[in-house]
PDB file of all heavy atoms in Angstrom:
ATOM      1  N   ALA A   1     211.419   4.708  -9.044  1.00  0.00           N
ATOM      2  CA  ALA A   1     211.199   3.507  -9.854  1.00  0.00           C
ATOM      3  C   ALA A   1     210.691   2.355  -8.993  1.00  0.00           C
ATOM      4  O   ALA A   1     209.763   1.624  -9.391  1.00  0.00           O
ATOM      5  CB  ALA A   1     212.497   3.112 -10.560  1.00  0.00           C
ATOM      6  N   LEU A   2     211.270   2.172  -7.812  1.00  0.00           N
ATOM      7  CA  LEU A   2     210.835   1.099  -6.919  1.00  0.00           C
ATOM      8  C   LEU A   2     209.387   1.324  -6.464  1.00  0.00           C
ATOM      9  O   LEU A   2     208.582   0.381  -6.420  1.00  0.00           O
ATOM     10  CB  LEU A   2     211.757   1.025  -5.705  1.00  0.00           C
ATOM     11  CG  LEU A   2     213.173   0.497  -5.957  1.00  0.00           C
ATOM     12  CD1 LEU A   2     214.045   0.698  -4.717  1.00  0.00           C
ATOM     13  CD2 LEU A   2     213.139  -0.976  -6.342  1.00  0.00           C
ATOM     14  N   LEU A   3     209.061   2.564  -6.144  1.00  0.00           N
ATOM     15  CA  LEU A   3     207.694   2.864  -5.721  1.00  0.00           C
ATOM     16  C   LEU A   3     206.697   2.659  -6.857  1.00  0.00           C
ATOM     17  O   LEU A   3     205.596   2.131  -6.649  1.00  0.00           O
ATOM     18  CB  LEU A   3     207.600   4.306  -5.214  1.00  0.00           C
ATOM     19  CG  LEU A   3     208.220   4.587  -3.842  1.00  0.00           C
ATOM     20  CD1 LEU A   3     208.214   6.081  -3.562  1.00  0.00           C
ATOM     21  CD2 LEU A   3     207.469   3.842  -2.742  1.00  0.00           C
ATOM     22  N   ALA A   4     207.080   3.069  -8.066  1.00  0.00           N
ATOM     23  CA  ALA A   4     206.195   2.897  -9.215  1.00  0.00           C
ATOM     24  C   ALA A   4     205.944   1.420  -9.487  1.00  0.00           C
ATOM     25  O   ALA A   4     204.807   0.997  -9.758  1.00  0.00           O
ATOM     26  CB  ALA A   4     206.785   3.573 -10.445  1.00  0.00           C
ATOM     27  N   LEU A   5     207.001   0.618  -9.416  1.00  0.00           N
ATOM     28  CA  LEU A   5     206.845  -0.824  -9.611  1.00  0.00           C
ATOM     29  C   LEU A   5     206.005  -1.436  -8.492  1.00  0.00           C
ATOM     30  O   LEU A   5     205.190  -2.332  -8.724  1.00  0.00           O
ATOM     31  CB  LEU A   5     208.214  -1.494  -9.685  1.00  0.00           C
ATOM     32  CG  LEU A   5     209.035  -1.218 -10.946  1.00  0.00           C
ATOM     33  CD1 LEU A   5     210.446  -1.785 -10.803  1.00  0.00           C
ATOM     34  CD2 LEU A   5     208.341  -1.815 -12.175  1.00  0.00           C
ATOM     35  N   GLY A   6     206.218  -0.946  -7.273  1.00  0.00           N
ATOM     36  CA  GLY A   6     205.422  -1.429  -6.148  1.00  0.00           C
ATOM     37  C   GLY A   6     203.950  -1.101  -6.325  1.00  0.00           C
ATOM     38  O   GLY A   6     203.080  -1.933  -6.055  1.00  0.00           O
ATOM     39  N   ALA A   7     203.666   0.125  -6.798  1.00  0.00           N
ATOM     40  CA  ALA A   7     202.277   0.528  -7.038  1.00  0.00           C
ATOM     41  C   ALA A   7     201.637  -0.339  -8.109  1.00  0.00           C
ATOM     42  O   ALA A   7     200.492  -0.776  -7.976  1.00  0.00           O
ATOM     43  CB  ALA A   7     202.233   2.000  -7.450  1.00  0.00           C
ATOM     44  N   LEU A   8     202.389  -0.593  -9.181  1.00  0.00           N
ATOM     45  CA  LEU A   8     201.864  -1.419 -10.270  1.00  0.00           C
ATOM     46  C   LEU A   8     201.591  -2.844  -9.793  1.00  0.00           C
ATOM     47  O   LEU A   8     200.528  -3.421 -10.076  1.00  0.00           O
ATOM     48  CB  LEU A   8     202.862  -1.434 -11.430  1.00  0.00           C
ATOM     49  CG  LEU A   8     202.462  -2.259 -12.661  1.00  0.00           C
ATOM     50  CD1 LEU A   8     201.192  -1.684 -13.290  1.00  0.00           C
ATOM     51  CD2 LEU A   8     203.598  -2.280 -13.678  1.00  0.00           C
ATOM     52  N   THR A   9     202.522  -3.413  -9.050  1.00  0.00           N
ATOM     53  CA  THR A   9     202.359  -4.779  -8.546  1.00  0.00           C
ATOM     54  C   THR A   9     201.217  -4.867  -7.546  1.00  0.00           C
ATOM     55  O   THR A   9     200.515  -5.881  -7.470  1.00  0.00           O
ATOM     56  CB  THR A   9     203.663  -5.257  -7.888  1.00  0.00           C
ATOM     57  OG1 THR A   9     204.759  -5.043  -8.778  1.00  0.00           O
ATOM     58  CG2 THR A   9     203.598  -6.740  -7.567  1.00  0.00           C
ATOM     59  N   TYR A  10     200.997  -3.779  -6.801  1.00  0.00           N
ATOM     60  CA  TYR A  10     199.943  -3.762  -5.790  1.00  0.00           C
ATOM     61  C   TYR A  10     198.552  -3.771  -6.420  1.00  0.00           C
ATOM     62  O   TYR A  10     197.562  -4.005  -5.731  1.00  0.00           O
ATOM     63  CB  TYR A  10     200.112  -2.528  -4.894  1.00  0.00           C
ATOM     64  CG  TYR A  10     199.378  -2.601  -3.589  1.00  0.00           C
ATOM     65  CD1 TYR A  10     199.704  -3.561  -2.637  1.00  0.00           C
ATOM     66  CD2 TYR A  10     198.357  -1.700  -3.288  1.00  0.00           C
ATOM     67  CE1 TYR A  10     199.029  -3.627  -1.423  1.00  0.00           C
ATOM     68  CE2 TYR A  10     197.681  -1.752  -2.078  1.00  0.00           C
ATOM     69  CZ  TYR A  10     198.023  -2.721  -1.149  1.00  0.00           C
ATOM     70  OH  TYR A  10     197.357  -2.793   0.046  1.00  0.00           O
ATOM     71  N   THR A  11     198.489  -3.508  -7.727  1.00  0.00           N
ATOM     72  CA  THR A  11     197.194  -3.545  -8.428  1.00  0.00           C
ATOM     73  C   THR A  11     196.973  -4.872  -9.145  1.00  0.00           C
ATOM     74  O   THR A  11     196.061  -4.989  -9.975  1.00  0.00           O
ATOM     75  CB  THR A  11     197.103  -2.404  -9.464  1.00  0.00           C
ATOM     76  OG1 THR A  11     198.134  -2.559 -10.444  1.00  0.00           O
ATOM     77  CG2 THR A  11     197.235  -1.050  -8.800  1.00  0.00           C
ATOM     78  N   ALA A  12     197.775  -5.882  -8.844  1.00  0.00           N
ATOM     79  CA  ALA A  12     197.636  -7.181  -9.514  1.00  0.00           C
ATOM     80  C   ALA A  12     196.260  -7.799  -9.300  1.00  0.00           C
ATOM     81  O   ALA A  12     195.815  -8.616 -10.110  1.00  0.00           O
ATOM     82  CB  ALA A  12     198.723  -8.143  -9.020  1.00  0.00           C
ATOM     83  N   TRP A  13     195.568  -7.399  -8.231  1.00  0.00           N
ATOM     84  CA  TRP A  13     194.218  -7.924  -7.978  1.00  0.00           C
ATOM     85  C   TRP A  13     193.273  -7.631  -9.150  1.00  0.00           C
ATOM     86  O   TRP A  13     192.286  -8.340  -9.348  1.00  0.00           O
ATOM     87  CB  TRP A  13     193.640  -7.346  -6.693  1.00  0.00           C
ATOM     88  CG  TRP A  13     193.623  -5.843  -6.672  1.00  0.00           C
ATOM     89  CD1 TRP A  13     194.593  -5.022  -6.192  1.00  0.00           C
ATOM     90  CD2 TRP A  13     192.593  -4.988  -7.182  1.00  0.00           C
ATOM     91  NE1 TRP A  13     194.235  -3.701  -6.362  1.00  0.00           N
ATOM     92  CE2 TRP A  13     193.009  -3.657  -6.973  1.00  0.00           C
ATOM     93  CE3 TRP A  13     191.360  -5.219  -7.776  1.00  0.00           C
ATOM     94  CZ2 TRP A  13     192.243  -2.553  -7.344  1.00  0.00           C
ATOM     95  CZ3 TRP A  13     190.580  -4.122  -8.168  1.00  0.00           C
ATOM     96  CH2 TRP A  13     191.020  -2.810  -7.946  1.00  0.00           C
ATOM     97  N   ALA A  14     193.596  -6.599  -9.941  1.00  0.00           N
ATOM     98  CA  ALA A  14     192.739  -6.251 -11.076  1.00  0.00           C
ATOM     99  C   ALA A  14     192.726  -7.346 -12.144  1.00  0.00           C
ATOM    100  O   ALA A  14     191.840  -7.361 -13.013  1.00  0.00           O
ATOM    101  CB  ALA A  14     193.201  -4.931 -11.694  1.00  0.00           C
ATOM    102  N   LEU A  15     193.663  -8.282 -12.062  1.00  0.00           N
ATOM    103  CA  LEU A  15     193.675  -9.407 -12.999  1.00  0.00           C
ATOM    104  C   LEU A  15     192.437 -10.285 -12.845  1.00  0.00           C
ATOM    105  O   LEU A  15     192.140 -11.097 -13.726  1.00  0.00           O
ATOM    106  CB  LEU A  15     194.937 -10.249 -12.782  1.00  0.00           C
ATOM    107  CG  LEU A  15     196.264  -9.601 -13.205  1.00  0.00           C
ATOM    108  CD1 LEU A  15     197.431 -10.475 -12.759  1.00  0.00           C
ATOM    109  CD2 LEU A  15     196.303  -9.382 -14.710  1.00  0.00           C
ATOM    110  N   GLU A  16     191.716 -10.119 -11.743  1.00  0.00           N
ATOM    111  CA  GLU A  16     190.482 -10.897 -11.560  1.00  0.00           C
ATOM    112  C   GLU A  16     189.471 -10.593 -12.659  1.00  0.00           C
ATOM    113  O   GLU A  16     188.534 -11.365 -12.877  1.00  0.00           O
ATOM    114  CB  GLU A  16     189.876 -10.611 -10.197  1.00  0.00           C
ATOM    115  CG  GLU A  16     189.353  -9.190 -10.023  1.00  0.00           C
ATOM    116  CD  GLU A  16     188.790  -8.941  -8.639  1.00  0.00           C
ATOM    117  OE1 GLU A  16     188.546  -9.912  -7.898  1.00  0.00           O
ATOM    118  OE2 GLU A  16     188.606  -7.763  -8.281  1.00  0.00           O
ATOM    119  N   ALA A  17     189.673  -9.461 -13.347  1.00  0.00           N
ATOM    120  CA  ALA A  17     188.759  -9.103 -14.436  1.00  0.00           C
ATOM    121  C   ALA A  17     188.896 -10.042 -15.629  1.00  0.00           C
ATOM    122  O   ALA A  17     187.956 -10.189 -16.419  1.00  0.00           O
ATOM    123  CB  ALA A  17     189.007  -7.659 -14.879  1.00  0.00           C
ATOM    124  N   VAL A  18     190.066 -10.695 -15.754  1.00  0.00           N
ATOM    125  CA  VAL A  18     190.292 -11.586 -16.898  1.00  0.00           C
ATOM    126  C   VAL A  18     190.560 -13.028 -16.479  1.00  0.00           C
ATOM    127  O   VAL A  18     190.615 -13.921 -17.337  1.00  0.00           O
ATOM    128  CB  VAL A  18     191.470 -11.072 -17.760  1.00  0.00           C
ATOM    129  CG1 VAL A  18     191.133  -9.718 -18.369  1.00  0.00           C
ATOM    130  CG2 VAL A  18     192.756 -10.976 -16.947  1.00  0.00           C
ATOM    131  N   LEU A  19     190.732 -13.271 -15.185  1.00  0.00           N
ATOM    132  CA  LEU A  19     190.996 -14.624 -14.703  1.00  0.00           C
ATOM    133  C   LEU A  19     189.720 -15.216 -14.093  1.00  0.00           C
ATOM    134  O   LEU A  19     188.994 -14.520 -13.375  1.00  0.00           O
ATOM    135  CB  LEU A  19     192.103 -14.616 -13.647  1.00  0.00           C
ATOM    136  CG  LEU A  19     193.497 -14.202 -14.106  1.00  0.00           C
ATOM    137  CD1 LEU A  19     194.452 -14.147 -12.913  1.00  0.00           C
ATOM    138  CD2 LEU A  19     194.034 -15.155 -15.170  1.00  0.00           C
ATOM    139  N   PRO A  20     189.451 -16.490 -14.342  1.00  0.00           N
ATOM    140  CA  PRO A  20     188.258 -17.143 -13.775  1.00  0.00           C
ATOM    141  C   PRO A  20     188.476 -17.523 -12.306  1.00  0.00           C
ATOM    142  O   PRO A  20     188.658 -18.691 -11.971  1.00  0.00           O
ATOM    143  CB  PRO A  20     188.086 -18.379 -14.661  1.00  0.00           C
ATOM    144  CG  PRO A  20     189.477 -18.708 -15.091  1.00  0.00           C
ATOM    145  CD  PRO A  20     190.192 -17.395 -15.260  1.00  0.00           C
ATOM    146  N   THR A  21     188.451 -16.521 -11.441  1.00  0.00           N
ATOM    147  CA  THR A  21     188.724 -16.773 -10.024  1.00  0.00           C
ATOM    148  C   THR A  21     187.559 -17.447  -9.311  1.00  0.00           C
ATOM    149  O   THR A  21     187.751 -18.074  -8.259  1.00  0.00           O
ATOM    150  CB  THR A  21     189.035 -15.450  -9.297  1.00  0.00           C
ATOM    151  OG1 THR A  21     187.873 -14.600  -9.351  1.00  0.00           O
ATOM    152  CG2 THR A  21     190.207 -14.740  -9.958  1.00  0.00           C
ATOM    153  N   GLY A  22     186.363 -17.272  -9.833  1.00  0.00           N
ATOM    154  CA  GLY A  22     185.194 -17.844  -9.172  1.00  0.00           C
ATOM    155  C   GLY A  22     184.665 -16.986  -8.037  1.00  0.00           C
ATOM    156  O   GLY A  22     183.699 -17.367  -7.370  1.00  0.00           O
ATOM    157  N   LEU A  23     185.281 -15.836  -7.791  1.00  0.00           N
ATOM    158  CA  LEU A  23     184.858 -14.938  -6.725  1.00  0.00           C
ATOM    159  C   LEU A  23     184.150 -13.723  -7.314  1.00  0.00           C
ATOM    160  O   LEU A  23     184.494 -13.265  -8.413  1.00  0.00           O
ATOM    161  CB  LEU A  23     186.062 -14.483  -5.896  1.00  0.00           C
ATOM    162  CG  LEU A  23     186.862 -15.583  -5.192  1.00  0.00           C
ATOM    163  CD1 LEU A  23     188.069 -14.993  -4.484  1.00  0.00           C
ATOM    164  CD2 LEU A  23     185.987 -16.345  -4.207  1.00  0.00           C
ATOM    165  N   THR A  24     183.193 -13.190  -6.583  1.00  0.00           N
ATOM    166  CA  THR A  24     182.452 -12.015  -7.026  1.00  0.00           C
ATOM    167  C   THR A  24     183.109 -10.756  -6.465  1.00  0.00           C
ATOM    168  O   THR A  24     183.091 -10.534  -5.245  1.00  0.00           O
ATOM    169  CB  THR A  24     180.989 -12.074  -6.550  1.00  0.00           C
ATOM    170  OG1 THR A  24     180.402 -13.290  -6.998  1.00  0.00           O
ATOM    171  CG2 THR A  24     180.203 -10.888  -7.087  1.00  0.00           C
ATOM    172  N   PRO A  25     183.709  -9.919  -7.311  1.00  0.00           N
ATOM    173  CA  PRO A  25     184.453  -8.746  -6.816  1.00  0.00           C
ATOM    174  C   PRO A  25     183.639  -7.823  -5.917  1.00  0.00           C
ATOM    175  O   PRO A  25     184.198  -7.230  -4.978  1.00  0.00           O
ATOM    176  CB  PRO A  25     184.875  -8.036  -8.110  1.00  0.00           C
ATOM    177  CG  PRO A  25     184.924  -9.118  -9.129  1.00  0.00           C
ATOM    178  CD  PRO A  25     183.807 -10.051  -8.770  1.00  0.00           C
ATOM    179  N   ALA A  26     182.363  -7.690  -6.162  1.00  0.00           N
ATOM    180  CA  ALA A  26     181.553  -6.745  -5.383  1.00  0.00           C
ATOM    181  C   ALA A  26     181.325  -7.186  -3.942  1.00  0.00           C
ATOM    182  O   ALA A  26     180.994  -6.358  -3.089  1.00  0.00           O
ATOM    183  CB  ALA A  26     180.203  -6.525  -6.067  1.00  0.00           C
ATOM    184  N   HIS A  27     181.523  -8.465  -3.654  1.00  0.00           N
ATOM    185  CA  HIS A  27     181.158  -8.987  -2.334  1.00  0.00           C
ATOM    186  C   HIS A  27     182.293  -9.695  -1.593  1.00  0.00           C
ATOM    187  O   HIS A  27     182.069 -10.172  -0.475  1.00  0.00           O
ATOM    188  CB  HIS A  27     179.980  -9.957  -2.470  1.00  0.00           C
ATOM    189  CG  HIS A  27     178.780  -9.345  -3.136  1.00  0.00           C
ATOM    190  ND1 HIS A  27     178.021  -8.364  -2.558  1.00  0.00           N
ATOM    191  CD2 HIS A  27     178.224  -9.586  -4.353  1.00  0.00           C
ATOM    192  CE1 HIS A  27     177.040  -8.010  -3.374  1.00  0.00           C
ATOM    193  NE2 HIS A  27     177.136  -8.743  -4.479  1.00  0.00           N
ATOM    194  N   THR A  28     183.469  -9.793  -2.179  1.00  0.00           N
ATOM    195  CA  THR A  28     184.555 -10.555  -1.547  1.00  0.00           C
ATOM    196  C   THR A  28     185.750  -9.669  -1.203  1.00  0.00           C
ATOM    197  O   THR A  28     185.969  -8.628  -1.818  1.00  0.00           O
ATOM    198  CB  THR A  28     185.037 -11.681  -2.477  1.00  0.00           C
ATOM    199  OG1 THR A  28     185.465 -11.115  -3.725  1.00  0.00           O
ATOM    200  CG2 THR A  28     183.936 -12.679  -2.744  1.00  0.00           C
ATOM    201  N   TYR A  29     186.511 -10.114  -0.213  1.00  0.00           N
ATOM    202  CA  TYR A  29     187.757  -9.431   0.137  1.00  0.00           C
ATOM    203  C   TYR A  29     188.767  -9.593  -0.992  1.00  0.00           C
ATOM    204  O   TYR A  29     188.830 -10.633  -1.646  1.00  0.00           O
ATOM    205  CB  TYR A  29     188.368 -10.034   1.400  1.00  0.00           C
ATOM    206  CG  TYR A  29     187.593  -9.818   2.678  1.00  0.00           C
ATOM    207  CD1 TYR A  29     186.887 -10.868   3.263  1.00  0.00           C
ATOM    208  CD2 TYR A  29     187.584  -8.583   3.312  1.00  0.00           C
ATOM    209  CE1 TYR A  29     186.187 -10.689   4.452  1.00  0.00           C
ATOM    210  CE2 TYR A  29     186.894  -8.387   4.496  1.00  0.00           C
ATOM    211  CZ  TYR A  29     186.189  -9.445   5.062  1.00  0.00           C
ATOM    212  OH  TYR A  29     185.501  -9.258   6.228  1.00  0.00           O
ATOM    213  N   VAL A  30     189.603  -8.580  -1.177  1.00  0.00           N
ATOM    214  CA  VAL A  30     190.704  -8.690  -2.138  1.00  0.00           C
ATOM    215  C   VAL A  30     191.628  -9.836  -1.734  1.00  0.00           C
ATOM    216  O   VAL A  30     192.115 -10.592  -2.575  1.00  0.00           O
ATOM    217  CB  VAL A  30     191.488  -7.366  -2.221  1.00  0.00           C
ATOM    218  CG1 VAL A  30     192.735  -7.528  -3.086  1.00  0.00           C
ATOM    219  CG2 VAL A  30     190.610  -6.255  -2.785  1.00  0.00           C
ATOM    220  N   SER A  31     191.878  -9.973  -0.441  1.00  0.00           N
ATOM    221  CA  SER A  31     192.799 -10.998   0.051  1.00  0.00           C
ATOM    222  C   SER A  31     192.304 -12.411  -0.189  1.00  0.00           C
ATOM    223  O   SER A  31     193.080 -13.372  -0.124  1.00  0.00           O
ATOM    224  CB  SER A  31     193.071 -10.787   1.542  1.00  0.00           C
ATOM    225  OG  SER A  31     191.859 -10.769   2.268  1.00  0.00           O
ATOM    226  N   GLU A  32     191.001 -12.569  -0.461  1.00  0.00           N
ATOM    227  CA  GLU A  32     190.485 -13.911  -0.743  1.00  0.00           C
ATOM    228  C   GLU A  32     191.003 -14.447  -2.075  1.00  0.00           C
ATOM    229  O   GLU A  32     191.013 -15.659  -2.296  1.00  0.00           O
ATOM    230  CB  GLU A  32     188.959 -13.890  -0.712  1.00  0.00           C
ATOM    231  CG  GLU A  32     188.405 -13.734   0.693  1.00  0.00           C
ATOM    232  CD  GLU A  32     186.892 -13.684   0.746  1.00  0.00           C
ATOM    233  OE1 GLU A  32     186.319 -12.679   0.272  1.00  0.00           O
ATOM    234  OE2 GLU A  32     186.282 -14.639   1.257  1.00  0.00           O
ATOM    235  N   LEU A  33     191.434 -13.551  -2.956  1.00  0.00           N
ATOM    236  CA  LEU A  33     192.043 -13.996  -4.213  1.00  0.00           C
ATOM    237  C   LEU A  33     193.308 -14.807  -3.954  1.00  0.00           C
ATOM    238  O   LEU A  33     193.660 -15.699  -4.729  1.00  0.00           O
ATOM    239  CB  LEU A  33     192.383 -12.792  -5.099  1.00  0.00           C
ATOM    240  CG  LEU A  33     191.210 -11.979  -5.647  1.00  0.00           C
ATOM    241  CD1 LEU A  33     191.723 -10.658  -6.225  1.00  0.00           C
ATOM    242  CD2 LEU A  33     190.466 -12.773  -6.713  1.00  0.00           C
ATOM    243  N   ALA A  34     193.988 -14.494  -2.843  1.00  0.00           N
ATOM    244  CA  ALA A  34     195.246 -15.161  -2.507  1.00  0.00           C
ATOM    245  C   ALA A  34     195.067 -16.277  -1.482  1.00  0.00           C
ATOM    246  O   ALA A  34     196.054 -16.802  -0.951  1.00  0.00           O
ATOM    247  CB  ALA A  34     196.237 -14.127  -1.968  1.00  0.00           C
ATOM    248  N   ALA A  35     193.837 -16.646  -1.197  1.00  0.00           N
ATOM    249  CA  ALA A  35     193.589 -17.703  -0.211  1.00  0.00           C
ATOM    250  C   ALA A  35     194.219 -19.020  -0.641  1.00  0.00           C
ATOM    251  O   ALA A  35     194.418 -19.283  -1.832  1.00  0.00           O
ATOM    252  CB  ALA A  35     192.086 -17.888  -0.011  1.00  0.00           C
ATOM    253  N   GLY A  36     194.527 -19.829   0.340  1.00  0.00           N
ATOM    254  CA  GLY A  36     195.244 -21.069   0.078  1.00  0.00           C
ATOM    255  C   GLY A  36     194.538 -22.032  -0.849  1.00  0.00           C
ATOM    256  O   GLY A  36     195.186 -22.815  -1.542  1.00  0.00           O
ATOM    257  N   ASN A  37     193.216 -22.001  -0.882  1.00  0.00           N
ATOM    258  CA  ASN A  37     192.491 -22.967  -1.704  1.00  0.00           C
ATOM    259  C   ASN A  37     191.982 -22.361  -3.025  1.00  0.00           C
ATOM    260  O   ASN A  37     191.194 -22.990  -3.727  1.00  0.00           O
ATOM    261  CB  ASN A  37     191.301 -23.544  -0.931  1.00  0.00           C
ATOM    262  CG  ASN A  37     190.214 -22.507  -0.679  1.00  0.00           C
ATOM    263  OD1 ASN A  37     190.446 -21.303  -0.779  1.00  0.00           O
ATOM    264  ND2 ASN A  37     189.030 -22.980  -0.328  1.00  0.00           N
ATOM    265  N   GLN A  38     192.433 -21.161  -3.353  1.00  0.00           N
ATOM    266  CA  GLN A  38     191.979 -20.513  -4.584  1.00  0.00           C
ATOM    267  C   GLN A  38     192.874 -20.877  -5.763  1.00  0.00           C
ATOM    268  O   GLN A  38     194.092 -21.069  -5.601  1.00  0.00           O
ATOM    269  CB  GLN A  38     191.939 -19.002  -4.400  1.00  0.00           C
ATOM    270  CG  GLN A  38     190.885 -18.538  -3.415  1.00  0.00           C
ATOM    271  CD  GLN A  38     189.492 -19.005  -3.810  1.00  0.00           C
ATOM    272  OE1 GLN A  38     188.989 -18.690  -4.886  1.00  0.00           O
ATOM    273  NE2 GLN A  38     188.867 -19.785  -2.930  1.00  0.00           N
ATOM    274  N   PRO A  39     192.310 -20.973  -6.962  1.00  0.00           N
ATOM    275  CA  PRO A  39     193.082 -21.449  -8.119  1.00  0.00           C
ATOM    276  C   PRO A  39     194.271 -20.567  -8.487  1.00  0.00           C
ATOM    277  O   PRO A  39     195.272 -21.058  -9.018  1.00  0.00           O
ATOM    278  CB  PRO A  39     192.044 -21.473  -9.245  1.00  0.00           C
ATOM    279  CG  PRO A  39     190.966 -20.536  -8.806  1.00  0.00           C
ATOM    280  CD  PRO A  39     190.909 -20.685  -7.316  1.00  0.00           C
ATOM    281  N   TYR A  40     194.170 -19.255  -8.224  1.00  0.00           N
ATOM    282  CA  TYR A  40     195.270 -18.350  -8.558  1.00  0.00           C
ATOM    283  C   TYR A  40     195.904 -17.762  -7.292  1.00  0.00           C
ATOM    284  O   TYR A  40     196.515 -16.696  -7.336  1.00  0.00           O
ATOM    285  CB  TYR A  40     194.766 -17.228  -9.469  1.00  0.00           C
ATOM    286  CG  TYR A  40     194.237 -17.755 -10.784  1.00  0.00           C
ATOM    287  CD1 TYR A  40     192.867 -17.963 -10.966  1.00  0.00           C
ATOM    288  CD2 TYR A  40     195.103 -18.074 -11.830  1.00  0.00           C
ATOM    289  CE1 TYR A  40     192.373 -18.473 -12.164  1.00  0.00           C
ATOM    290  CE2 TYR A  40     194.620 -18.586 -13.029  1.00  0.00           C
ATOM    291  CZ  TYR A  40     193.252 -18.774 -13.190  1.00  0.00           C
ATOM    292  OH  TYR A  40     192.771 -19.280 -14.369  1.00  0.00           O
ATOM    293  N   GLY A  41     195.755 -18.498  -6.200  1.00  0.00           N
ATOM    294  CA  GLY A  41     196.283 -18.028  -4.929  1.00  0.00           C
ATOM    295  C   GLY A  41     197.776 -17.778  -4.958  1.00  0.00           C
ATOM    296  O   GLY A  41     198.257 -16.769  -4.436  1.00  0.00           O
ATOM    297  N   THR A  42     198.528 -18.673  -5.584  1.00  0.00           N
ATOM    298  CA  THR A  42     199.988 -18.514  -5.639  1.00  0.00           C
ATOM    299  C   THR A  42     200.375 -17.245  -6.380  1.00  0.00           C
ATOM    300  O   THR A  42     201.287 -16.512  -5.959  1.00  0.00           O
ATOM    301  CB  THR A  42     200.632 -19.727  -6.326  1.00  0.00           C
ATOM    302  OG1 THR A  42     200.328 -20.908  -5.577  1.00  0.00           O
ATOM    303  CG2 THR A  42     202.146 -19.568  -6.393  1.00  0.00           C
ATOM    304  N   LEU A  43     199.689 -16.960  -7.465  1.00  0.00           N
ATOM    305  CA  LEU A  43     199.961 -15.744  -8.244  1.00  0.00           C
ATOM    306  C   LEU A  43     199.747 -14.504  -7.394  1.00  0.00           C
ATOM    307  O   LEU A  43     200.623 -13.626  -7.322  1.00  0.00           O
ATOM    308  CB  LEU A  43     199.054 -15.696  -9.471  1.00  0.00           C
ATOM    309  CG  LEU A  43     199.032 -14.366 -10.245  1.00  0.00           C
ATOM    310  CD1 LEU A  43     200.401 -14.069 -10.834  1.00  0.00           C
ATOM    311  CD2 LEU A  43     197.948 -14.392 -11.317  1.00  0.00           C
ATOM    312  N   PHE A  44     198.609 -14.410  -6.737  1.00  0.00           N
ATOM    313  CA  PHE A  44     198.303 -13.204  -5.969  1.00  0.00           C
ATOM    314  C   PHE A  44     199.141 -13.094  -4.698  1.00  0.00           C
ATOM    315  O   PHE A  44     199.478 -11.978  -4.280  1.00  0.00           O
ATOM    316  CB  PHE A  44     196.809 -13.159  -5.649  1.00  0.00           C
ATOM    317  CG  PHE A  44     195.946 -12.925  -6.861  1.00  0.00           C
ATOM    318  CD1 PHE A  44     195.108 -13.921  -7.348  1.00  0.00           C
ATOM    319  CD2 PHE A  44     195.994 -11.720  -7.537  1.00  0.00           C
ATOM    320  CE1 PHE A  44     194.321 -13.709  -8.470  1.00  0.00           C
ATOM    321  CE2 PHE A  44     195.217 -11.494  -8.663  1.00  0.00           C
ATOM    322  CZ  PHE A  44     194.372 -12.489  -9.141  1.00  0.00           C
ATOM    323  N   ARG A  45     199.504 -14.220  -4.116  1.00  0.00           N
ATOM    324  CA  ARG A  45     200.408 -14.147  -2.964  1.00  0.00           C
ATOM    325  C   ARG A  45     201.786 -13.664  -3.402  1.00  0.00           C
ATOM    326  O   ARG A  45     202.445 -12.886  -2.689  1.00  0.00           O
ATOM    327  CB  ARG A  45     200.524 -15.531  -2.291  1.00  0.00           C
ATOM    328  CG  ARG A  45     199.274 -15.955  -1.533  1.00  0.00           C
ATOM    329  CD  ARG A  45     199.534 -17.161  -0.647  1.00  0.00           C
ATOM    330  NE  ARG A  45     199.891 -18.358  -1.404  1.00  0.00           N
ATOM    331  CZ  ARG A  45     199.014 -19.219  -1.914  1.00  0.00           C
ATOM    332  NH1 ARG A  45     197.721 -19.004  -1.763  1.00  0.00           N
ATOM    333  NH2 ARG A  45     199.423 -20.298  -2.561  1.00  0.00           N
ATOM    334  N   SER A  46     202.217 -14.088  -4.565  1.00  0.00           N
ATOM    335  CA  SER A  46     203.530 -13.681  -5.081  1.00  0.00           C
ATOM    336  C   SER A  46     203.562 -12.191  -5.400  1.00  0.00           C
ATOM    337  O   SER A  46     204.551 -11.500  -5.106  1.00  0.00           O
ATOM    338  CB  SER A  46     203.890 -14.494  -6.327  1.00  0.00           C
ATOM    339  OG  SER A  46     203.976 -15.873  -6.027  1.00  0.00           O
ATOM    340  N   THR A  47     202.495 -11.685  -6.000  1.00  0.00           N
ATOM    341  CA  THR A  47     202.476 -10.254  -6.328  1.00  0.00           C
ATOM    342  C   THR A  47     202.378  -9.404  -5.059  1.00  0.00           C
ATOM    343  O   THR A  47     202.970  -8.316  -4.995  1.00  0.00           O
ATOM    344  CB  THR A  47     201.310  -9.931  -7.276  1.00  0.00           C
ATOM    345  OG1 THR A  47     200.074 -10.412  -6.726  1.00  0.00           O
ATOM    346  CG2 THR A  47     201.534 -10.573  -8.641  1.00  0.00           C
TER     347      THR A  47
END
């Protein structure tokens, strides 16, 4: 159960498909979603 929840949480980056992150998925690092100056940085750092 812990591993399954961890796997699910580890895919939180897929929320960029519905959130206006301003980043282009094809050309940016996944970790840039959690950058300090990004609008949803707190969300992605938390996940």
